[in-house]
């Protein structure tokens, strides 16, 4: 209890001392514009300048934020345009993927069916049901010199039929030949066109 009384006395003495010093300062005129108790014209000018500076600073920051936001939106739009152009270029390289007369849903279906067909052909080759394309090419090059223009894997509608490769060969004389090969063993079964 004695400690609490001592602490209270110390605090009250400090308070009394501060009040006495302020009253003395006011009586001699030491307190005025320097301490901000009495506003003068110079202090008002400084506060107005500070407000203007803060408003200008706020406006500049707002403008910078707006510019940054605009630049980000512009960059996002350019990136989107670049991605669209890339997709268009991919379709130009692979014209079979797109046809402007076919609606996009049907076009997507065609692409999916084609991908499934490629997967089935790869699985058949890995399992040994058909020979690889390199074997077919070497067989064609040996028998019919020329340039291979197109190769198609013809699958039967039901699983009981044979699988064939249809190969189009452009001869040195500029004539087109259609060669049909058995996909299981690589033997030539049919040739159409002039040699």
N, C-alpha and C. Protein backbone atom coordinates (compact mmCIF):
# COMPACT_ATOMS: atom_id res chain seq x y z
N UNK A 1 0.81 -1.18 0.00
CA UNK A 1 0.00 0.00 0.00
C UNK A 1 0.87 1.26 0.00
N UNK A 2 1.95 1.16 0.73
CA UNK A 2 2.86 2.30 0.82
C UNK A 2 3.46 2.57 -0.57
N UNK A 3 3.76 1.53 -1.33
CA UNK A 3 4.31 1.68 -2.68
C UNK A 3 3.32 2.37 -3.61
N UNK A 4 2.04 2.05 -3.45
CA UNK A 4 1.02 2.68 -4.28
C UNK A 4 0.90 4.16 -3.97
N UNK A 5 1.00 4.50 -2.70
CA UNK A 5 0.92 5.90 -2.28
C UNK A 5 2.10 6.67 -2.83
N UNK A 6 3.30 6.07 -2.73
CA UNK A 6 4.50 6.73 -3.25
C UNK A 6 4.38 6.96 -4.77
N UNK A 7 3.88 5.99 -5.50
CA UNK A 7 3.73 6.10 -6.94
C UNK A 7 2.73 7.19 -7.29
N UNK A 8 1.63 7.28 -6.52
CA UNK A 8 0.63 8.30 -6.76
C UNK A 8 1.20 9.68 -6.49
N UNK A 9 1.98 9.82 -5.46
CA UNK A 9 2.58 11.11 -5.14
C UNK A 9 3.56 11.55 -6.22
N UNK A 10 4.36 10.61 -6.70
CA UNK A 10 5.31 10.94 -7.77
C UNK A 10 4.57 11.43 -9.02
N UNK A 11 3.51 10.75 -9.38
CA UNK A 11 2.74 11.10 -10.56
C UNK A 11 2.07 12.47 -10.38
N UNK A 12 1.50 12.69 -9.24
CA UNK A 12 0.84 13.97 -9.01
C UNK A 12 1.85 15.11 -8.96
N UNK A 13 3.05 14.87 -8.47
CA UNK A 13 4.10 15.90 -8.44
C UNK A 13 4.52 16.25 -9.87
N UNK A 14 4.64 15.28 -10.70
CA UNK A 14 5.02 15.53 -12.09
C UNK A 14 3.94 16.37 -12.78
N UNK A 15 2.69 16.03 -12.55
CA UNK A 15 1.58 16.75 -13.14
C UNK A 15 1.58 18.21 -12.68
N UNK A 16 1.78 18.41 -11.43
CA UNK A 16 1.80 19.77 -10.86
C UNK A 16 2.96 20.56 -11.46
N UNK A 17 4.11 19.92 -11.62
CA UNK A 17 5.30 20.56 -12.17
C UNK A 17 5.05 20.99 -13.62
N UNK A 18 4.41 20.14 -14.44
CA UNK A 18 4.13 20.46 -15.84
C UNK A 18 3.15 21.61 -15.92
N UNK A 19 2.13 21.60 -15.11
CA UNK A 19 1.14 22.68 -15.12
C UNK A 19 1.78 24.00 -14.72
N UNK A 20 2.66 23.97 -13.75
CA UNK A 20 3.33 25.19 -13.29
C UNK A 20 4.22 25.74 -14.38
N UNK A 21 4.93 24.87 -15.09
CA UNK A 21 5.83 25.32 -16.15
C UNK A 21 5.03 25.95 -17.30
N UNK A 22 3.92 25.36 -17.65
CA UNK A 22 3.10 25.91 -18.73
C UNK A 22 2.50 27.26 -18.33
N UNK A 23 2.04 27.37 -17.12
CA UNK A 23 1.47 28.66 -16.69
C UNK A 23 2.53 29.75 -16.65
N UNK A 24 3.75 29.39 -16.26
CA UNK A 24 4.85 30.35 -16.25
C UNK A 24 5.19 30.77 -17.68
N UNK A 25 5.22 29.79 -18.60
CA UNK A 25 5.56 30.09 -19.99
C UNK A 25 4.50 30.98 -20.61
N UNK A 26 3.25 30.75 -20.29
CA UNK A 26 2.19 31.59 -20.82
C UNK A 26 2.25 33.01 -20.26
N UNK A 27 2.62 33.11 -19.04
CA UNK A 27 2.67 34.44 -18.41
C UNK A 27 3.79 35.30 -18.99
N UNK A 28 4.88 34.70 -19.39
CA UNK A 28 5.97 35.51 -19.94
C UNK A 28 5.89 35.63 -21.46
N UNK A 29 4.95 34.89 -22.12
CA UNK A 29 4.76 35.01 -23.57
C UNK A 29 5.68 34.11 -24.38
N UNK A 30 6.27 33.13 -23.75
CA UNK A 30 7.17 32.23 -24.48
C UNK A 30 6.38 31.26 -25.36
N UNK A 31 5.14 31.00 -25.01
CA UNK A 31 4.32 30.07 -25.79
C UNK A 31 3.55 30.88 -26.80
N UNK A 32 3.62 30.49 -28.03
CA UNK A 32 2.91 31.23 -29.07
C UNK A 32 2.94 30.43 -30.34
N UNK A 33 3.29 31.10 -31.46
CA UNK A 33 3.31 30.46 -32.76
C UNK A 33 4.33 29.36 -32.86
N UNK A 34 5.40 29.40 -32.02
CA UNK A 34 6.42 28.38 -32.10
C UNK A 34 5.89 27.02 -31.68
N UNK A 35 4.99 27.00 -30.70
CA UNK A 35 4.49 25.73 -30.17
C UNK A 35 3.15 25.33 -30.79
N UNK A 36 2.60 26.16 -31.65
CA UNK A 36 1.38 25.82 -32.34
C UNK A 36 0.12 26.10 -31.55
N UNK A 37 0.21 26.81 -30.41
CA UNK A 37 -0.99 27.10 -29.64
C UNK A 37 -1.77 28.26 -30.24
N UNK A 38 -1.08 29.20 -30.82
CA UNK A 38 -1.73 30.35 -31.45
C UNK A 38 -1.41 30.29 -32.95
N UNK A 39 -2.40 30.08 -33.79
CA UNK A 39 -2.11 29.97 -35.22
C UNK A 39 -1.73 31.32 -35.81
N UNK A 40 -0.69 31.32 -36.62
CA UNK A 40 -0.30 32.54 -37.31
C UNK A 40 -0.39 32.31 -38.82
N UNK A 41 -0.17 33.31 -39.61
CA UNK A 41 -0.34 33.24 -41.06
C UNK A 41 0.67 32.27 -41.70
N UNK A 42 1.88 32.28 -41.18
CA UNK A 42 2.93 31.41 -41.74
C UNK A 42 2.58 29.94 -41.53
N UNK A 43 2.07 29.64 -40.32
CA UNK A 43 1.71 28.26 -40.02
C UNK A 43 0.53 27.82 -40.89
N UNK A 44 -0.42 28.72 -41.11
CA UNK A 44 -1.56 28.38 -41.96
C UNK A 44 -1.11 28.13 -43.39
N UNK A 45 -0.18 28.95 -43.88
CA UNK A 45 0.36 28.74 -45.23
C UNK A 45 1.04 27.38 -45.34
N UNK A 46 1.80 27.01 -44.28
CA UNK A 46 2.48 25.71 -44.30
C UNK A 46 1.48 24.57 -44.32
N UNK A 47 0.42 24.69 -43.54
CA UNK A 47 -0.59 23.61 -43.53
C UNK A 47 -1.30 23.51 -44.88
N UNK A 48 -1.59 24.68 -45.50
CA UNK A 48 -2.23 24.65 -46.82
C UNK A 48 -1.30 24.04 -47.86
N UNK A 49 -0.01 24.37 -47.78
CA UNK A 49 0.97 23.80 -48.72
C UNK A 49 1.07 22.29 -48.50
N UNK A 50 1.07 21.88 -47.24
CA UNK A 50 1.13 20.44 -46.94
C UNK A 50 -0.09 19.71 -47.51
N UNK A 51 -1.28 20.33 -47.37
CA UNK A 51 -2.49 19.72 -47.92
C UNK A 51 -2.39 19.61 -49.44
N UNK A 52 -1.93 20.70 -50.09
CA UNK A 52 -1.77 20.66 -51.55
C UNK A 52 -0.79 19.57 -51.97
N UNK A 53 0.33 19.50 -51.23
CA UNK A 53 1.34 18.49 -51.54
C UNK A 53 0.77 17.09 -51.39
N UNK A 54 0.01 16.87 -50.28
CA UNK A 54 -0.59 15.55 -50.07
C UNK A 54 -1.59 15.23 -51.17
N UNK A 55 -2.41 16.23 -51.55
CA UNK A 55 -3.38 15.99 -52.63
C UNK A 55 -2.67 15.69 -53.95
N UNK A 56 -1.63 16.47 -54.27
CA UNK A 56 -0.86 16.22 -55.49
C UNK A 56 -0.23 14.84 -55.46
N UNK A 57 0.33 14.48 -54.31
CA UNK A 57 0.99 13.18 -54.16
C UNK A 57 -0.04 12.06 -54.35
N UNK A 58 -1.23 12.26 -53.74
CA UNK A 58 -2.30 11.27 -53.87
C UNK A 58 -2.74 11.16 -55.32
N UNK A 59 -2.89 12.31 -56.00
CA UNK A 59 -3.30 12.31 -57.40
C UNK A 59 -2.25 11.63 -58.28
N UNK A 60 -0.97 11.91 -58.02
CA UNK A 60 0.11 11.28 -58.79
C UNK A 60 0.10 9.77 -58.59
N UNK A 61 -0.08 9.35 -57.35
CA UNK A 61 -0.13 7.90 -57.08
C UNK A 61 -1.33 7.27 -57.78
N UNK A 62 -2.47 7.96 -57.74
CA UNK A 62 -3.66 7.46 -58.42
C UNK A 62 -3.40 7.32 -59.92
N UNK A 63 -2.77 8.35 -60.51
CA UNK A 63 -2.45 8.29 -61.95
C UNK A 63 -1.50 7.14 -62.25
N UNK A 64 -0.50 6.95 -61.37
CA UNK A 64 0.43 5.85 -61.59
C UNK A 64 -0.28 4.51 -61.50
N UNK A 65 -1.19 4.38 -60.53
CA UNK A 65 -1.95 3.14 -60.41
C UNK A 65 -2.82 2.90 -61.64
N UNK A 66 -3.44 3.97 -62.13
CA UNK A 66 -4.27 3.85 -63.33
C UNK A 66 -3.42 3.43 -64.53
N UNK A 67 -2.23 4.05 -64.67
CA UNK A 67 -1.34 3.69 -65.78
C UNK A 67 -0.90 2.24 -65.68
N UNK A 68 -0.55 1.82 -64.45
CA UNK A 68 -0.13 0.43 -64.25
C UNK A 68 -1.25 -0.54 -64.59
N UNK A 69 -2.47 -0.21 -64.15
CA UNK A 69 -3.63 -1.05 -64.44
C UNK A 69 -3.87 -1.12 -65.95
N UNK A 70 -3.78 0.02 -66.63
CA UNK A 70 -3.97 0.06 -68.08
C UNK A 70 -2.91 -0.78 -68.79
N UNK A 71 -1.66 -0.66 -68.33
CA UNK A 71 -0.58 -1.44 -68.95
C UNK A 71 -0.80 -2.93 -68.74
N UNK A 72 -1.27 -3.33 -67.55
CA UNK A 72 -1.53 -4.74 -67.30
C UNK A 72 -2.66 -5.25 -68.19
N UNK A 73 -3.72 -4.45 -68.34
CA UNK A 73 -4.82 -4.85 -69.20
C UNK A 73 -4.36 -4.96 -70.66
N UNK A 74 -3.55 -4.01 -71.08
CA UNK A 74 -3.03 -4.02 -72.45
C UNK A 74 -2.14 -5.25 -72.69
N UNK A 75 -1.31 -5.55 -71.69
CA UNK A 75 -0.42 -6.71 -71.80
C UNK A 75 -1.24 -8.00 -71.86
N UNK A 76 -2.29 -8.08 -71.04
CA UNK A 76 -3.15 -9.27 -71.05
C UNK A 76 -3.86 -9.41 -72.40
N UNK A 77 -4.31 -8.29 -72.97
CA UNK A 77 -4.97 -8.33 -74.27
C UNK A 77 -3.99 -8.76 -75.37
N UNK A 78 -2.75 -8.26 -75.30
CA UNK A 78 -1.74 -8.66 -76.28
C UNK A 78 -1.41 -10.15 -76.15
N UNK A 79 -1.33 -10.64 -74.92
CA UNK A 79 -1.04 -12.06 -74.69
C UNK A 79 -2.18 -12.92 -75.25
N UNK A 80 -3.43 -12.49 -75.02
CA UNK A 80 -4.57 -13.23 -75.54
C UNK A 80 -4.55 -13.25 -77.07
N UNK A 81 -4.25 -12.10 -77.66
CA UNK A 81 -4.17 -12.01 -79.12
C UNK A 81 -3.05 -12.91 -79.65
N UNK A 82 -1.92 -12.93 -78.95
CA UNK A 82 -0.79 -13.77 -79.35
C UNK A 82 -1.18 -15.25 -79.29
N UNK A 83 -1.89 -15.66 -78.23
CA UNK A 83 -2.31 -17.06 -78.10
C UNK A 83 -3.28 -17.43 -79.22
N UNK A 84 -4.22 -16.52 -79.54
CA UNK A 84 -5.16 -16.79 -80.63
C UNK A 84 -4.42 -16.92 -81.96
N UNK A 85 -3.43 -16.05 -82.19
CA UNK A 85 -2.66 -16.11 -83.43
C UNK A 85 -1.88 -17.41 -83.51
N UNK A 86 -1.35 -17.86 -82.37
CA UNK A 86 -0.64 -19.15 -82.35
C UNK A 86 -1.55 -20.30 -82.73
N UNK A 87 -2.78 -20.29 -82.21
CA UNK A 87 -3.73 -21.34 -82.55
C UNK A 87 -4.07 -21.29 -84.03
N UNK A 88 -4.25 -20.09 -84.56
CA UNK A 88 -4.56 -19.96 -85.99
C UNK A 88 -3.40 -20.50 -86.82
N UNK A 89 -2.16 -20.18 -86.42
CA UNK A 89 -0.99 -20.66 -87.15
C UNK A 89 -0.89 -22.18 -87.08
N UNK A 90 -1.26 -22.78 -85.96
CA UNK A 90 -1.24 -24.24 -85.86
C UNK A 90 -2.25 -24.84 -86.82
N UNK A 91 -3.44 -24.21 -86.93
CA UNK A 91 -4.43 -24.73 -87.86
C UNK A 91 -3.99 -24.54 -89.31
N UNK A 92 -3.22 -23.47 -89.58
CA UNK A 92 -2.71 -23.28 -90.94
C UNK A 92 -1.71 -24.37 -91.29
N UNK A 93 -0.90 -24.78 -90.30
CA UNK A 93 0.07 -25.84 -90.55
C UNK A 93 -0.61 -27.19 -90.73
N UNK A 94 -1.77 -27.37 -90.05
CA UNK A 94 -2.50 -28.63 -90.13
C UNK A 94 -3.91 -28.33 -90.64
N UNK A 95 -4.07 -28.20 -91.96
CA UNK A 95 -5.37 -27.78 -92.48
C UNK A 95 -6.48 -28.79 -92.23
N UNK A 96 -6.14 -30.06 -91.98
CA UNK A 96 -7.18 -31.05 -91.74
C UNK A 96 -7.87 -30.83 -90.40
N UNK A 97 -7.29 -30.00 -89.53
CA UNK A 97 -7.90 -29.76 -88.22
C UNK A 97 -9.05 -28.77 -88.27
N UNK A 98 -9.14 -28.02 -89.34
CA UNK A 98 -10.19 -26.99 -89.38
C UNK A 98 -10.85 -26.95 -90.75
N UNK A 99 -12.09 -26.60 -90.74
CA UNK A 99 -12.84 -26.37 -91.96
C UNK A 99 -13.89 -25.35 -91.62
N UNK A 100 -13.89 -24.21 -92.30
CA UNK A 100 -14.77 -23.11 -91.92
C UNK A 100 -16.24 -23.46 -92.15
N UNK A 101 -16.51 -24.45 -93.01
CA UNK A 101 -17.90 -24.82 -93.25
C UNK A 101 -18.46 -25.71 -92.14
N UNK A 102 -17.57 -26.34 -91.37
CA UNK A 102 -18.01 -27.25 -90.31
C UNK A 102 -18.07 -26.48 -89.00
N UNK A 103 -19.17 -26.58 -88.25
CA UNK A 103 -19.23 -25.90 -86.94
C UNK A 103 -18.15 -26.42 -86.00
N UNK A 104 -17.81 -25.61 -85.03
CA UNK A 104 -16.68 -25.94 -84.16
C UNK A 104 -16.91 -27.21 -83.37
N UNK A 105 -18.14 -27.52 -82.95
CA UNK A 105 -18.39 -28.74 -82.18
C UNK A 105 -18.11 -29.98 -83.03
N UNK A 106 -18.54 -29.94 -84.31
CA UNK A 106 -18.26 -31.07 -85.21
C UNK A 106 -16.76 -31.15 -85.51
N UNK A 107 -16.12 -29.99 -85.65
CA UNK A 107 -14.69 -29.96 -85.90
C UNK A 107 -13.93 -30.60 -84.74
N UNK A 108 -14.34 -30.25 -83.51
CA UNK A 108 -13.71 -30.85 -82.33
C UNK A 108 -13.92 -32.35 -82.32
N UNK A 109 -15.10 -32.80 -82.72
CA UNK A 109 -15.39 -34.23 -82.77
C UNK A 109 -14.48 -34.92 -83.79
N UNK A 110 -14.28 -34.28 -84.94
CA UNK A 110 -13.40 -34.85 -85.96
C UNK A 110 -11.97 -34.99 -85.44
N UNK A 111 -11.50 -33.96 -84.75
CA UNK A 111 -10.14 -33.98 -84.21
C UNK A 111 -10.01 -35.10 -83.18
N UNK A 112 -11.00 -35.25 -82.32
CA UNK A 112 -10.96 -36.30 -81.29
C UNK A 112 -10.96 -37.68 -81.94
N UNK A 113 -11.81 -37.86 -82.97
CA UNK A 113 -11.85 -39.15 -83.66
C UNK A 113 -10.51 -39.46 -84.33
N UNK A 114 -9.90 -38.44 -84.91
CA UNK A 114 -8.61 -38.64 -85.56
C UNK A 114 -7.54 -39.01 -84.53
N UNK A 115 -7.57 -38.37 -83.37
CA UNK A 115 -6.60 -38.69 -82.32
C UNK A 115 -6.81 -40.12 -81.83
N UNK A 116 -8.07 -40.54 -81.70
CA UNK A 116 -8.34 -41.92 -81.28
C UNK A 116 -7.83 -42.92 -82.31
N UNK A 117 -7.99 -42.56 -83.59
CA UNK A 117 -7.51 -43.44 -84.66
C UNK A 117 -5.98 -43.58 -84.59
N UNK A 118 -5.28 -42.48 -84.33
CA UNK A 118 -3.82 -42.53 -84.19
C UNK A 118 -3.43 -43.41 -82.99
N UNK A 119 -4.18 -43.29 -81.91
CA UNK A 119 -3.88 -44.11 -80.72
C UNK A 119 -4.10 -45.59 -81.01
N UNK A 120 -5.18 -45.91 -81.72
CA UNK A 120 -5.44 -47.32 -82.05
C UNK A 120 -4.34 -47.87 -82.96
N UNK A 121 -3.88 -47.07 -83.93
CA UNK A 121 -2.81 -47.52 -84.84
C UNK A 121 -1.51 -47.75 -84.06
N UNK A 122 -1.19 -46.84 -83.14
CA UNK A 122 0.04 -47.01 -82.34
C UNK A 122 -0.04 -48.26 -81.46
N UNK A 123 -1.21 -48.48 -80.86
CA UNK A 123 -1.38 -49.67 -80.01
C UNK A 123 -1.27 -50.94 -80.84
N UNK A 124 -1.86 -50.94 -82.05
CA UNK A 124 -1.80 -52.11 -82.93
C UNK A 124 -0.36 -52.38 -83.35
N UNK A 125 0.41 -51.34 -83.63
CA UNK A 125 1.80 -51.54 -84.02
C UNK A 125 2.63 -52.09 -82.86
N UNK A 126 2.39 -51.56 -81.66
CA UNK A 126 3.15 -52.03 -80.49
C UNK A 126 2.82 -53.49 -80.17
N UNK A 127 1.56 -53.88 -80.39
CA UNK A 127 1.17 -55.26 -80.09
C UNK A 127 1.56 -56.24 -81.21
N UNK A 128 1.98 -55.73 -82.37
CA UNK A 128 2.43 -56.59 -83.47
C UNK A 128 1.33 -56.96 -84.44
N UNK A 129 0.15 -56.39 -84.34
CA UNK A 129 -0.94 -56.70 -85.28
C UNK A 129 -0.70 -56.07 -86.64
N UNK A 130 0.04 -54.94 -86.70
CA UNK A 130 0.38 -54.30 -87.98
C UNK A 130 1.88 -54.00 -87.97
N UNK A 131 2.43 -53.85 -89.18
CA UNK A 131 3.85 -53.50 -89.29
C UNK A 131 3.98 -51.98 -89.22
N UNK A 132 5.17 -51.53 -88.91
CA UNK A 132 5.38 -50.10 -88.75
C UNK A 132 5.40 -49.39 -90.10
N UNK A 133 5.26 -48.10 -90.05
CA UNK A 133 5.23 -47.28 -91.25
C UNK A 133 6.59 -47.30 -91.97
N UNK A 134 7.67 -47.42 -91.21
CA UNK A 134 8.99 -47.47 -91.85
C UNK A 134 9.14 -48.72 -92.73
N UNK A 135 8.57 -49.85 -92.32
CA UNK A 135 8.61 -51.07 -93.14
C UNK A 135 7.80 -50.85 -94.42
N UNK A 136 6.65 -50.22 -94.29
CA UNK A 136 5.81 -49.95 -95.46
C UNK A 136 6.54 -49.02 -96.43
N UNK A 137 7.17 -48.00 -95.92
CA UNK A 137 7.91 -47.07 -96.79
C UNK A 137 9.05 -47.77 -97.52
N UNK A 138 9.81 -48.58 -96.79
CA UNK A 138 10.93 -49.28 -97.45
C UNK A 138 10.43 -50.24 -98.53
N UNK A 139 9.30 -50.92 -98.29
CA UNK A 139 8.72 -51.82 -99.30
C UNK A 139 8.31 -51.05 -100.54
N UNK A 140 7.66 -49.92 -100.34
CA UNK A 140 7.21 -49.10 -101.47
C UNK A 140 8.41 -48.56 -102.24
N UNK A 141 9.44 -48.07 -101.54
CA UNK A 141 10.62 -47.49 -102.21
C UNK A 141 11.33 -48.55 -103.06
N UNK A 142 11.37 -49.80 -102.58
CA UNK A 142 12.04 -50.86 -103.34
C UNK A 142 11.29 -51.19 -104.63
N UNK A 143 9.97 -51.27 -104.54
CA UNK A 143 9.19 -51.70 -105.70
C UNK A 143 8.82 -50.56 -106.65
N UNK A 144 8.53 -49.38 -106.09
CA UNK A 144 8.05 -48.26 -106.89
C UNK A 144 8.85 -47.01 -106.54
N UNK A 145 9.91 -46.71 -107.28
CA UNK A 145 10.68 -45.51 -106.96
C UNK A 145 9.86 -44.26 -107.24
N UNK A 146 9.97 -43.32 -106.35
CA UNK A 146 9.23 -42.07 -106.47
C UNK A 146 9.05 -41.48 -105.08
N UNK A 147 8.17 -40.51 -105.04
CA UNK A 147 7.95 -39.81 -103.77
C UNK A 147 6.62 -40.25 -103.17
N UNK A 148 6.65 -40.63 -101.88
CA UNK A 148 5.43 -41.01 -101.18
C UNK A 148 4.71 -39.73 -100.79
N UNK A 149 3.48 -39.59 -101.28
CA UNK A 149 2.71 -38.37 -101.07
C UNK A 149 1.78 -38.50 -99.86
N UNK A 150 1.14 -39.66 -99.72
CA UNK A 150 0.15 -39.81 -98.65
C UNK A 150 0.11 -41.27 -98.20
N UNK A 151 -0.08 -41.47 -96.90
CA UNK A 151 -0.24 -42.81 -96.33
C UNK A 151 -1.45 -42.77 -95.41
N UNK A 152 -2.36 -43.75 -95.62
CA UNK A 152 -3.54 -43.86 -94.77
C UNK A 152 -3.67 -45.28 -94.27
N UNK A 153 -4.07 -45.43 -93.02
CA UNK A 153 -4.35 -46.74 -92.45
C UNK A 153 -5.85 -46.94 -92.52
N UNK A 154 -6.28 -47.96 -93.26
CA UNK A 154 -7.70 -48.24 -93.44
C UNK A 154 -8.07 -49.36 -92.49
N UNK A 155 -8.94 -49.02 -91.53
CA UNK A 155 -9.40 -50.00 -90.56
C UNK A 155 -10.75 -50.56 -91.01
N UNK A 156 -11.01 -51.84 -90.71
CA UNK A 156 -12.32 -52.39 -91.08
C UNK A 156 -13.40 -51.84 -90.15
N UNK A 157 -14.63 -51.85 -90.65
CA UNK A 157 -15.74 -51.35 -89.82
C UNK A 157 -16.00 -52.29 -88.64
N UNK A 158 -15.83 -53.57 -88.88
CA UNK A 158 -15.92 -54.53 -87.77
C UNK A 158 -14.54 -55.12 -87.54
N UNK A 159 -14.31 -55.69 -86.43
CA UNK A 159 -12.97 -56.17 -86.08
C UNK A 159 -12.55 -57.42 -86.83
N UNK A 160 -13.44 -58.02 -87.61
CA UNK A 160 -13.10 -59.27 -88.29
C UNK A 160 -12.34 -59.05 -89.60
N UNK A 161 -12.43 -57.87 -90.22
CA UNK A 161 -11.81 -57.63 -91.52
C UNK A 161 -10.32 -57.35 -91.42
N UNK A 162 -9.69 -57.21 -92.61
CA UNK A 162 -8.27 -56.94 -92.67
C UNK A 162 -7.99 -55.44 -92.55
N UNK A 163 -6.77 -55.13 -92.09
CA UNK A 163 -6.32 -53.75 -92.00
C UNK A 163 -5.37 -53.51 -93.17
N UNK A 164 -5.56 -52.37 -93.86
CA UNK A 164 -4.74 -52.05 -95.02
C UNK A 164 -4.07 -50.69 -94.86
N UNK A 165 -2.94 -50.54 -95.58
CA UNK A 165 -2.32 -49.23 -95.77
C UNK A 165 -2.61 -48.81 -97.20
N UNK A 166 -3.12 -47.62 -97.42
CA UNK A 166 -3.25 -47.03 -98.74
C UNK A 166 -2.12 -46.01 -98.89
N UNK A 167 -1.28 -46.19 -99.89
CA UNK A 167 -0.13 -45.31 -100.09
C UNK A 167 -0.23 -44.69 -101.47
N UNK A 168 -0.10 -43.37 -101.55
CA UNK A 168 -0.07 -42.66 -102.83
C UNK A 168 1.38 -42.33 -103.13
N UNK A 169 1.82 -42.74 -104.34
CA UNK A 169 3.21 -42.54 -104.75
C UNK A 169 3.21 -41.70 -106.03
N UNK A 170 4.04 -40.66 -106.04
CA UNK A 170 4.22 -39.82 -107.22
C UNK A 170 5.50 -40.29 -107.91
N UNK A 171 5.36 -40.81 -109.11
CA UNK A 171 6.52 -41.38 -109.81
C UNK A 171 7.38 -40.27 -110.40
N UNK A 172 8.54 -40.66 -110.92
CA UNK A 172 9.46 -39.70 -111.53
C UNK A 172 8.88 -39.06 -112.78
N UNK A 173 7.94 -39.73 -113.44
CA UNK A 173 7.30 -39.20 -114.65
C UNK A 173 6.14 -38.28 -114.29
N UNK A 174 5.84 -38.11 -113.01
CA UNK A 174 4.77 -37.23 -112.57
C UNK A 174 3.40 -37.88 -112.51
N UNK A 175 3.37 -39.22 -112.50
CA UNK A 175 2.10 -39.94 -112.45
C UNK A 175 1.85 -40.42 -111.02
N UNK A 176 0.58 -40.47 -110.66
CA UNK A 176 0.18 -40.85 -109.31
C UNK A 176 -0.28 -42.29 -109.29
N UNK A 177 0.25 -43.04 -108.32
CA UNK A 177 -0.12 -44.45 -108.16
C UNK A 177 -0.70 -44.65 -106.77
N UNK A 178 -1.74 -45.49 -106.69
CA UNK A 178 -2.32 -45.90 -105.42
C UNK A 178 -1.92 -47.34 -105.16
N UNK A 179 -1.22 -47.55 -104.06
CA UNK A 179 -0.75 -48.88 -103.71
C UNK A 179 -1.41 -49.28 -102.40
N UNK A 180 -2.01 -50.48 -102.39
CA UNK A 180 -2.64 -50.99 -101.18
C UNK A 180 -1.80 -52.14 -100.64
N UNK A 181 -1.47 -52.05 -99.33
CA UNK A 181 -0.64 -53.08 -98.69
C UNK A 181 -1.38 -53.68 -97.50
N UNK A 182 -1.12 -54.96 -97.27
CA UNK A 182 -1.66 -55.62 -96.09
C UNK A 182 -0.89 -55.11 -94.87
N UNK A 183 -1.60 -54.58 -93.90
CA UNK A 183 -0.92 -53.97 -92.74
C UNK A 183 -0.33 -55.00 -91.80
N UNK A 184 -0.81 -56.25 -91.87
CA UNK A 184 -0.29 -57.28 -90.95
C UNK A 184 1.12 -57.75 -91.34
N UNK A 185 1.36 -57.88 -92.66
CA UNK A 185 2.66 -58.41 -93.08
C UNK A 185 3.41 -57.49 -94.05
N UNK A 186 2.78 -56.45 -94.59
CA UNK A 186 3.46 -55.51 -95.47
C UNK A 186 3.48 -55.93 -96.92
N UNK A 187 2.72 -56.96 -97.32
CA UNK A 187 2.66 -57.41 -98.71
C UNK A 187 1.74 -56.52 -99.52
N UNK A 188 2.15 -56.26 -100.78
CA UNK A 188 1.34 -55.43 -101.67
C UNK A 188 0.18 -56.27 -102.18
N UNK A 189 -1.04 -55.74 -102.06
CA UNK A 189 -2.23 -56.50 -102.50
C UNK A 189 -2.84 -55.92 -103.77
N UNK A 190 -2.71 -54.60 -103.99
CA UNK A 190 -3.36 -54.00 -105.14
C UNK A 190 -2.61 -52.74 -105.54
N UNK A 191 -2.51 -52.50 -106.87
CA UNK A 191 -1.86 -51.28 -107.38
C UNK A 191 -2.77 -50.67 -108.44
N UNK A 192 -3.04 -49.38 -108.29
CA UNK A 192 -3.84 -48.65 -109.28
C UNK A 192 -3.00 -47.50 -109.81
N UNK A 193 -3.14 -47.23 -111.10
CA UNK A 193 -2.39 -46.13 -111.71
C UNK A 193 -1.28 -46.68 -112.57
N UNK A 194 -0.68 -45.79 -113.41
CA UNK A 194 0.37 -46.21 -114.32
C UNK A 194 1.73 -46.12 -113.64
N UNK A 195 2.62 -47.02 -114.07
CA UNK A 195 3.97 -47.04 -113.48
C UNK A 195 4.88 -46.11 -114.18
